[in-house]
Amino acid sequence: MAGFVRISVDVPGLVAAIVGYLNDPRPDRNAHHPHLLSDDIEQALGLTQDLLECLVLDGVSHADDVEPLVAHLVAYGAGPGHHGDTASLS
């Protein structure tokens, strides 16, 4: 049945939206980028607010750095067992 379902992702658009988020200097950037913080994107791709905030803290700010992440998310999505929570290492 998997051959009957196809999900299309605008990869350049998603990369540009993430880069816009990462370079937004406003402390309330989440309020200005609700399209990236939607439940649909989190469930389909595994792109969470926590992940975006980690990218900000790591100083990621260029499309060249974001493109491999988006390629991975598109290829593998949230993966089996994803519940929107970070995994415990203990």
Protein backbone atom coordinates (compact mmCIF):
# COMPACT_ATOMS: atom_id res chain seq x y z
CA MET A 1 0.00 0.00 0.00
CA ALA A 2 2.94 2.37 0.52
CA GLY A 3 3.16 2.90 -3.23
CA PHE A 4 -0.22 4.63 -3.23
CA VAL A 5 0.76 7.42 -0.86
CA ARG A 6 3.19 10.18 -1.74
CA ILE A 7 4.00 13.17 0.43
CA SER A 8 5.59 16.13 -1.28
CA VAL A 9 7.96 18.44 0.59
CA ASP A 10 9.13 21.79 -0.78
CA VAL A 11 12.73 21.22 0.30
CA PRO A 12 14.12 24.63 -0.78
CA GLY A 13 11.13 26.32 0.86
CA LEU A 14 11.58 24.38 4.08
CA VAL A 15 15.32 25.12 4.15
CA ALA A 16 14.60 28.83 3.60
CA ALA A 17 11.97 28.84 6.37
CA ILE A 18 14.35 27.16 8.82
CA VAL A 19 17.17 29.57 7.94
CA GLY A 20 14.73 32.45 8.44
CA TYR A 21 13.86 31.09 11.86
CA LEU A 22 17.50 30.60 12.82
CA ASN A 23 18.45 34.14 11.79
CA ASP A 24 15.45 35.82 13.43
CA PRO A 25 16.91 37.94 16.26
CA ARG A 26 13.61 38.38 18.09
CA PRO A 27 13.38 36.57 21.44
CA ASP A 28 9.79 35.62 20.57
CA ARG A 29 10.77 34.08 17.19
CA ASN A 30 8.38 31.16 17.77
CA ALA A 31 5.41 33.51 17.51
CA HIS A 32 6.62 34.68 14.11
CA HIS A 33 7.23 31.24 12.58
CA PRO A 34 4.16 29.17 13.49
CA HIS A 35 4.30 27.31 10.15
CA LEU A 36 7.52 25.60 11.30
CA LEU A 37 6.09 24.70 14.69
CA SER A 38 2.97 22.95 13.45
CA ASP A 39 1.93 19.52 14.65
CA ASP A 40 1.75 18.37 11.02
CA ILE A 41 5.43 19.09 10.37
CA GLU A 42 6.43 17.55 13.68
CA GLN A 43 4.48 14.36 13.00
CA ALA A 44 5.51 13.99 9.37
CA LEU A 45 9.15 15.05 9.56
CA GLY A 46 10.12 15.10 13.22
CA LEU A 47 10.98 18.82 13.07
CA THR A 48 10.36 20.02 16.60
CA GLN A 49 10.73 23.30 18.45
CA ASP A 50 13.45 21.66 20.55
CA LEU A 51 15.41 20.75 17.42
CA LEU A 52 15.11 24.28 16.03
CA GLU A 53 16.22 25.78 19.34
CA CYS A 54 19.24 23.44 19.42
CA LEU A 55 20.21 24.70 15.98
CA VAL A 56 19.95 28.29 17.25
CA LEU A 57 22.12 27.47 20.28
CA ASP A 58 24.66 25.71 18.03
CA GLY A 59 24.94 28.85 15.89
CA VAL A 60 23.61 27.28 12.70
CA SER A 61 22.66 30.08 10.33
CA HIS A 62 23.36 29.06 6.73
CA ALA A 63 21.39 27.02 4.23
CA ASP A 64 24.44 24.84 3.58
CA ASP A 65 24.24 23.68 7.19
CA VAL A 66 20.47 23.15 7.15
CA GLU A 67 20.16 21.27 3.84
CA PRO A 68 21.63 17.96 5.13
CA LEU A 69 19.24 18.03 8.10
CA VAL A 70 16.23 18.63 5.87
CA ALA A 71 17.38 15.88 3.49
CA HIS A 72 17.54 13.48 6.44
CA LEU A 73 14.14 14.53 7.78
CA VAL A 74 12.56 14.12 4.35
CA ALA A 75 14.21 10.73 3.80
CA TYR A 76 13.46 9.26 7.22
CA GLY A 77 10.72 11.45 8.70
CA ALA A 78 9.85 11.15 12.34
CA GLY A 79 10.59 7.45 12.21
CA PRO A 80 8.81 4.65 14.02
CA GLY A 81 8.16 5.26 17.67
CA HIS A 82 8.39 9.06 17.42
CA HIS A 83 6.09 10.66 19.92
CA GLY A 84 7.44 14.20 19.88
CA ASP A 85 9.48 13.55 23.01
CA THR A 86 13.23 13.47 23.31
CA ALA A 87 14.61 10.03 24.06
CA SER A 88 16.12 9.37 27.45
CA LEU A 89 19.68 8.16 27.48
CA SER A 90 19.41 6.49 30.89
